[in-house]
Amino acid sequence: MSIQAINVRNQFRGKIKAIIDGPVVSEIDVETPAGIVTSVITTRSVKDLGLQIGSEVVALVKATEVSIAKI
């Protein structure tokens, strides 16, 4: 299966820099031109997708709310 189109507008192409494996969920750090994007996904998905350090990926970000705090 290949994706022909997607409605997520915030897309960051990059390479996996680090994977912190957990028993149920894992953290994936993706190095992008905009900086590091971290995703928390199931460890099963990490294995099913064959993700490893150096893999080229696209981080897709879709949020229903983005909060801003003044500092």
PDB file of N, CA and C in Angstrom:
ATOM      1  N   MET A   1       0.848  -1.178   0.000  1.00  0.00           N
ATOM      2  CA  MET A   1       0.000   0.000   0.000  1.00  0.00           C
ATOM      3  C   MET A   1       0.890   1.235   0.000  1.00  0.00           C
ATOM      4  N   SER A   2       0.520   2.218  -0.787  1.00  0.00           N
ATOM      5  CA  SER A   2       1.231   3.492  -0.760  1.00  0.00           C
ATOM      6  C   SER A   2       0.217   4.617  -0.594  1.00  0.00           C
ATOM      7  N   ILE A   3       0.623   5.651   0.092  1.00  0.00           N
ATOM      8  CA  ILE A   3      -0.257   6.797   0.333  1.00  0.00           C
ATOM      9  C   ILE A   3      -0.187   7.723  -0.873  1.00  0.00           C
ATOM     10  N   GLN A   4      -1.338   8.063  -1.427  1.00  0.00           N
ATOM     11  CA  GLN A   4      -1.384   8.972  -2.570  1.00  0.00           C
ATOM     12  C   GLN A   4      -1.640  10.402  -2.138  1.00  0.00           C
ATOM     13  N   ALA A   5      -2.357  10.581  -1.038  1.00  0.00           N
ATOM     14  CA  ALA A   5      -2.648  11.922  -0.525  1.00  0.00           C
ATOM     15  C   ALA A   5      -3.016  11.799   0.941  1.00  0.00           C
ATOM     16  N   ILE A   6      -2.777  12.877   1.690  1.00  0.00           N
ATOM     17  CA  ILE A   6      -3.113  12.882   3.116  1.00  0.00           C
ATOM     18  C   ILE A   6      -3.495  14.303   3.512  1.00  0.00           C
ATOM     19  N   ASN A   7      -4.403  14.434   4.484  1.00  0.00           N
ATOM     20  CA  ASN A   7      -4.888  15.750   4.862  1.00  0.00           C
ATOM     21  C   ASN A   7      -4.055  16.418   5.953  1.00  0.00           C
ATOM     22  N   VAL A   8      -3.041  15.738   6.467  1.00  0.00           N
ATOM     23  CA  VAL A   8      -2.213  16.316   7.521  1.00  0.00           C
ATOM     24  C   VAL A   8      -1.252  17.315   6.885  1.00  0.00           C
ATOM     25  N   ARG A   9      -1.331  18.564   7.311  1.00  0.00           N
ATOM     26  CA  ARG A   9      -0.528  19.632   6.702  1.00  0.00           C
ATOM     27  C   ARG A   9       0.853  19.773   7.326  1.00  0.00           C
ATOM     28  N   ASN A  10       0.999  19.391   8.597  1.00  0.00           N
ATOM     29  CA  ASN A  10       2.277  19.527   9.280  1.00  0.00           C
ATOM     30  C   ASN A  10       3.078  18.248   9.079  1.00  0.00           C
ATOM     31  N   GLN A  11       3.964  18.271   8.092  1.00  0.00           N
ATOM     32  CA  GLN A  11       4.751  17.103   7.742  1.00  0.00           C
ATOM     33  C   GLN A  11       6.228  17.461   7.820  1.00  0.00           C
ATOM     34  N   PHE A  12       6.991  16.634   8.512  1.00  0.00           N
ATOM     35  CA  PHE A  12       8.410  16.889   8.698  1.00  0.00           C
ATOM     36  C   PHE A  12       9.194  15.661   8.245  1.00  0.00           C
ATOM     37  N   ARG A  13       9.882  15.787   7.133  1.00  0.00           N
ATOM     38  CA  ARG A  13      10.712  14.690   6.629  1.00  0.00           C
ATOM     39  C   ARG A  13      12.027  14.683   7.393  1.00  0.00           C
ATOM     40  N   GLY A  14      12.485  13.496   7.751  1.00  0.00           N
ATOM     41  CA  GLY A  14      13.739  13.412   8.469  1.00  0.00           C
ATOM     42  C   GLY A  14      14.211  11.982   8.621  1.00  0.00           C
ATOM     43  N   LYS A  15      15.240  11.814   9.447  1.00  0.00           N
ATOM     44  CA  LYS A  15      15.801  10.493   9.723  1.00  0.00           C
ATOM     45  C   LYS A  15      15.704  10.207  11.205  1.00  0.00           C
ATOM     46  N   ILE A  16      15.460   8.952  11.526  1.00  0.00           N
ATOM     47  CA  ILE A  16      15.384   8.553  12.928  1.00  0.00           C
ATOM     48  C   ILE A  16      16.768   8.675  13.553  1.00  0.00           C
ATOM     49  N   LYS A  17      16.819   9.446  14.639  1.00  0.00           N
ATOM     50  CA  LYS A  17      18.078   9.677  15.345  1.00  0.00           C
ATOM     51  C   LYS A  17      18.216   8.756  16.551  1.00  0.00           C
ATOM     52  N   ALA A  18      17.095   8.462  17.220  1.00  0.00           N
ATOM     53  CA  ALA A  18      17.140   7.613  18.417  1.00  0.00           C
ATOM     54  C   ALA A  18      15.815   6.891  18.584  1.00  0.00           C
ATOM     55  N   ILE A  19      15.910   5.692  19.161  1.00  0.00           N
ATOM     56  CA  ILE A  19      14.727   4.909  19.521  1.00  0.00           C
ATOM     57  C   ILE A  19      14.919   4.447  20.951  1.00  0.00           C
ATOM     58  N   ILE A  20      13.968   4.803  21.800  1.00  0.00           N
ATOM     59  CA  ILE A  20      13.988   4.344  23.189  1.00  0.00           C
ATOM     60  C   ILE A  20      12.860   3.336  23.326  1.00  0.00           C
ATOM     61  N   ASP A  21      13.241   2.052  23.333  1.00  0.00           N
ATOM     62  CA  ASP A  21      12.261   0.965  23.385  1.00  0.00           C
ATOM     63  C   ASP A  21      11.666   0.816  24.777  1.00  0.00           C
ATOM     64  N   GLY A  22      10.377   0.604  24.813  1.00  0.00           N
ATOM     65  CA  GLY A  22       9.689   0.273  26.049  1.00  0.00           C
ATOM     66  C   GLY A  22       8.905  -1.002  25.846  1.00  0.00           C
ATOM     67  N   PRO A  23       8.357  -1.572  26.920  1.00  0.00           N
ATOM     68  CA  PRO A  23       7.617  -2.825  26.777  1.00  0.00           C
ATOM     69  C   PRO A  23       6.318  -2.659  25.984  1.00  0.00           C
ATOM     70  N   VAL A  24       5.709  -1.475  26.053  1.00  0.00           N
ATOM     71  CA  VAL A  24       4.438  -1.246  25.358  1.00  0.00           C
ATOM     72  C   VAL A  24       4.557  -0.119  24.342  1.00  0.00           C
ATOM     73  N   VAL A  25       5.168   0.996  24.740  1.00  0.00           N
ATOM     74  CA  VAL A  25       5.357   2.128  23.832  1.00  0.00           C
ATOM     75  C   VAL A  25       6.836   2.471  23.749  1.00  0.00           C
ATOM     76  N   SER A  26       7.208   3.101  22.642  1.00  0.00           N
ATOM     77  CA  SER A  26       8.589   3.511  22.407  1.00  0.00           C
ATOM     78  C   SER A  26       8.614   4.964  21.967  1.00  0.00           C
ATOM     79  N   GLU A  27       9.720   5.660  22.264  1.00  0.00           N
ATOM     80  CA  GLU A  27       9.928   7.032  21.814  1.00  0.00           C
ATOM     81  C   GLU A  27      10.820   7.005  20.581  1.00  0.00           C
ATOM     82  N   ILE A  28      10.407   7.751  19.576  1.00  0.00           N
ATOM     83  CA  ILE A  28      11.174   7.846  18.340  1.00  0.00           C
ATOM     84  C   ILE A  28      11.561   9.313  18.150  1.00  0.00           C
ATOM     85  N   ASP A  29      12.866   9.597  18.088  1.00  0.00           N
ATOM     86  CA  ASP A  29      13.352  10.948  17.804  1.00  0.00           C
ATOM     87  C   ASP A  29      13.691  11.036  16.331  1.00  0.00           C
ATOM     88  N   VAL A  30      13.061  11.995  15.649  1.00  0.00           N
ATOM     89  CA  VAL A  30      13.290  12.198  14.222  1.00  0.00           C
ATOM     90  C   VAL A  30      14.000  13.533  14.040  1.00  0.00           C
ATOM     91  N   GLU A  31      15.156  13.499  13.399  1.00  0.00           N
ATOM     92  CA  GLU A  31      15.910  14.724  13.120  1.00  0.00           C
ATOM     93  C   GLU A  31      15.409  15.303  11.806  1.00  0.00           C
ATOM     94  N   THR A  32      14.867  16.530  11.872  1.00  0.00           N
ATOM     95  CA  THR A  32      14.326  17.212  10.701  1.00  0.00           C
ATOM     96  C   THR A  32      15.037  18.557  10.543  1.00  0.00           C
ATOM     97  N   PRO A  33      14.882  19.216   9.392  1.00  0.00           N
ATOM     98  CA  PRO A  33      15.469  20.542   9.233  1.00  0.00           C
ATOM     99  C   PRO A  33      14.919  21.553  10.260  1.00  0.00           C
ATOM    100  N   ALA A  34      13.722  21.301  10.781  1.00  0.00           N
ATOM    101  CA  ALA A  34      13.109  22.199  11.765  1.00  0.00           C
ATOM    102  C   ALA A  34      13.545  21.868  13.191  1.00  0.00           C
ATOM    103  N   GLY A  35      14.260  20.773  13.389  1.00  0.00           N
ATOM    104  CA  GLY A  35      14.672  20.339  14.719  1.00  0.00           C
ATOM    105  C   GLY A  35      14.222  18.910  14.969  1.00  0.00           C
ATOM    106  N   ILE A  36      14.350  18.485  16.218  1.00  0.00           N
ATOM    107  CA  ILE A  36      13.977  17.117  16.595  1.00  0.00           C
ATOM    108  C   ILE A  36      12.474  17.046  16.861  1.00  0.00           C
ATOM    109  N   VAL A  37      11.819  16.075  16.251  1.00  0.00           N
ATOM    110  CA  VAL A  37      10.413  15.774  16.510  1.00  0.00           C
ATOM    111  C   VAL A  37      10.385  14.414  17.191  1.00  0.00           C
ATOM    112  N   THR A  38       9.713  14.337  18.344  1.00  0.00           N
ATOM    113  CA  THR A  38       9.630  13.078  19.081  1.00  0.00           C
ATOM    114  C   THR A  38       8.218  12.529  18.998  1.00  0.00           C
ATOM    115  N   SER A  39       8.128  11.251  18.689  1.00  0.00           N
ATOM    116  CA  SER A  39       6.844  10.574  18.618  1.00  0.00           C
ATOM    117  C   SER A  39       6.836   9.416  19.604  1.00  0.00           C
ATOM    118  N   VAL A  40       5.702   9.201  20.236  1.00  0.00           N
ATOM    119  CA  VAL A  40       5.519   8.039  21.098  1.00  0.00           C
ATOM    120  C   VAL A  40       4.521   7.127  20.396  1.00  0.00           C
ATOM    121  N   ILE A  41       4.999   5.943  20.000  1.00  0.00           N
ATOM    122  CA  ILE A  41       4.153   4.984  19.295  1.00  0.00           C
ATOM    123  C   ILE A  41       4.316   3.618  19.964  1.00  0.00           C
ATOM    124  N   THR A  42       3.434   2.703  19.625  1.00  0.00           N
ATOM    125  CA  THR A  42       3.546   1.379  20.232  1.00  0.00           C
ATOM    126  C   THR A  42       4.825   0.694  19.758  1.00  0.00           C
ATOM    127  N   THR A  43       5.395  -0.098  20.639  1.00  0.00           N
ATOM    128  CA  THR A  43       6.592  -0.859  20.303  1.00  0.00           C
ATOM    129  C   THR A  43       6.277  -1.838  19.179  1.00  0.00           C
ATOM    130  N   ARG A  44       5.068  -2.339  19.162  1.00  0.00           N
ATOM    131  CA  ARG A  44       4.650  -3.231  18.071  1.00  0.00           C
ATOM    132  C   ARG A  44       4.720  -2.520  16.727  1.00  0.00           C
ATOM    133  N   SER A  45       4.300  -1.247  16.679  1.00  0.00           N
ATOM    134  CA  SER A  45       4.363  -0.485  15.431  1.00  0.00           C
ATOM    135  C   SER A  45       5.806  -0.257  14.989  1.00  0.00           C
ATOM    136  N   VAL A  46       6.699  -0.041  15.950  1.00  0.00           N
ATOM    137  CA  VAL A  46       8.121   0.124  15.616  1.00  0.00           C
ATOM    138  C   VAL A  46       8.609  -1.123  14.881  1.00  0.00           C
ATOM    139  N   LYS A  47       8.247  -2.285  15.404  1.00  0.00           N
ATOM    140  CA  LYS A  47       8.675  -3.550  14.787  1.00  0.00           C
ATOM    141  C   LYS A  47       7.969  -3.787  13.456  1.00  0.00           C
ATOM    142  N   ASP A  48       6.652  -3.536  13.414  1.00  0.00           N
ATOM    143  CA  ASP A  48       5.887  -3.767  12.176  1.00  0.00           C
ATOM    144  C   ASP A  48       6.376  -2.880  11.034  1.00  0.00           C
ATOM    145  N   LEU A  49       6.781  -1.640  11.348  1.00  0.00           N
ATOM    146  CA  LEU A  49       7.265  -0.708  10.330  1.00  0.00           C
ATOM    147  C   LEU A  49       8.743  -0.916  10.016  1.00  0.00           C
ATOM    148  N   GLY A  50       9.423  -1.724  10.810  1.00  0.00           N
ATOM    149  CA  GLY A  50      10.846  -1.956  10.592  1.00  0.00           C
ATOM    150  C   GLY A  50      11.689  -0.721  10.854  1.00  0.00           C
ATOM    151  N   LEU A  51      11.270   0.095  11.821  1.00  0.00           N
ATOM    152  CA  LEU A  51      11.984   1.335  12.100  1.00  0.00           C
ATOM    153  C   LEU A  51      13.302   1.058  12.804  1.00  0.00           C
ATOM    154  N   GLN A  52      14.324   1.791  12.397  1.00  0.00           N
ATOM    155  CA  GLN A  52      15.622   1.699  13.034  1.00  0.00           C
ATOM    156  C   GLN A  52      16.349   3.022  12.857  1.00  0.00           C
ATOM    157  N   ILE A  53      17.386   3.227  13.629  1.00  0.00           N
ATOM    158  CA  ILE A  53      18.151   4.463  13.526  1.00  0.00           C
ATOM    159  C   ILE A  53      18.650   4.611  12.094  1.00  0.00           C
ATOM    160  N   GLY A  54      18.448   5.807  11.536  1.00  0.00           N
ATOM    161  CA  GLY A  54      18.846   6.089  10.162  1.00  0.00           C
ATOM    162  C   GLY A  54      17.731   5.938   9.149  1.00  0.00           C
ATOM    163  N   SER A  55      16.601   5.313   9.543  1.00  0.00           N
ATOM    164  CA  SER A  55      15.474   5.167   8.619  1.00  0.00           C
ATOM    165  C   SER A  55      14.941   6.540   8.235  1.00  0.00           C
ATOM    166  N   GLU A  56      14.646   6.720   6.948  1.00  0.00           N
ATOM    167  CA  GLU A  56      14.015   7.956   6.487  1.00  0.00           C
ATOM    168  C   GLU A  56      12.521   7.838   6.699  1.00  0.00           C
ATOM    169  N   VAL A  57      11.945   8.850   7.350  1.00  0.00           N
ATOM    170  CA  VAL A  57      10.519   8.839   7.691  1.00  0.00           C
ATOM    171  C   VAL A  57       9.927  10.227   7.489  1.00  0.00           C
ATOM    172  N   VAL A  58       8.628  10.303   7.571  1.00  0.00           N
ATOM    173  CA  VAL A  58       7.917  11.575   7.606  1.00  0.00           C
ATOM    174  C   VAL A  58       7.111  11.597   8.897  1.00  0.00           C
ATOM    175  N   ALA A  59       7.354  12.607   9.733  1.00  0.00           N
ATOM    176  CA  ALA A  59       6.581  12.786  10.959  1.00  0.00           C
ATOM    177  C   ALA A  59       5.358  13.620  10.596  1.00  0.00           C
ATOM    178  N   LEU A  60       4.183  13.080  10.865  1.00  0.00           N
ATOM    179  CA  LEU A  60       2.921  13.760  10.562  1.00  0.00           C
ATOM    180  C   LEU A  60       2.319  14.242  11.872  1.00  0.00           C
ATOM    181  N   VAL A  61       2.058  15.544  11.965  1.00  0.00           N
ATOM    182  CA  VAL A  61       1.561  16.131  13.207  1.00  0.00           C
ATOM    183  C   VAL A  61       0.186  16.724  12.963  1.00  0.00           C
ATOM    184  N   LYS A  62      -0.791  16.231  13.702  1.00  0.00           N
ATOM    185  CA  LYS A  62      -2.143  16.772  13.625  1.00  0.00           C
ATOM    186  C   LYS A  62      -2.670  16.898  15.049  1.00  0.00           C
ATOM    187  N   ALA A  63      -2.984  18.091  15.436  1.00  0.00           N
ATOM    188  CA  ALA A  63      -3.442  18.331  16.797  1.00  0.00           C
ATOM    189  C   ALA A  63      -4.753  19.111  16.765  1.00  0.00           C
ATOM    190  N   THR A  64      -5.607  18.795  17.702  1.00  0.00           N
ATOM    191  CA  THR A  64      -6.864  19.547  17.792  1.00  0.00           C
ATOM    192  C   THR A  64      -6.672  20.820  18.594  1.00  0.00           C
ATOM    193  N   GLU A  65      -5.557  20.913  19.317  1.00  0.00           N
ATOM    194  CA  GLU A  65      -5.313  22.102  20.133  1.00  0.00           C
ATOM    195  C   GLU A  65      -3.812  22.330  20.265  1.00  0.00           C
ATOM    196  N   VAL A  66      -3.400  23.561  20.081  1.00  0.00           N
ATOM    197  CA  VAL A  66      -2.026  23.961  20.335  1.00  0.00           C
ATOM    198  C   VAL A  66      -2.082  25.115  21.314  1.00  0.00           C
ATOM    199  N   SER A  67      -1.471  24.949  22.471  1.00  0.00           N
ATOM    200  CA  SER A  67      -1.502  25.975  23.516  1.00  0.00           C
ATOM    201  C   SER A  67      -0.244  26.818  23.459  1.00  0.00           C
ATOM    202  N   ILE A  68      -0.393  28.084  23.803  1.00  0.00           N
ATOM    203  CA  ILE A  68       0.726  29.018  23.860  1.00  0.00           C
ATOM    204  C   ILE A  68       0.771  29.611  25.267  1.00  0.00           C
ATOM    205  N   ALA A  69       1.972  29.641  25.857  1.00  0.00           N
ATOM    206  CA  ALA A  69       2.144  30.256  27.179  1.00  0.00           C
ATOM    207  C   ALA A  69       3.148  31.389  27.046  1.00  0.00           C
ATOM    208  N   LYS A  70       2.825  32.531  27.585  1.00  0.00           N
ATOM    209  CA  LYS A  70       3.744  33.671  27.570  1.00  0.00           C
ATOM    210  C   LYS A  70       4.760  33.488  28.692  1.00  0.00           C
ATOM    211  N   ILE A  71       6.046  33.710  28.361  1.00  0.00           N
ATOM    212  CA  ILE A  71       7.080  33.572  29.381  1.00  0.00           C
ATOM    213  C   ILE A  71       7.771  34.900  29.631  1.00  0.00           C
TER     214      ILE A  71
END
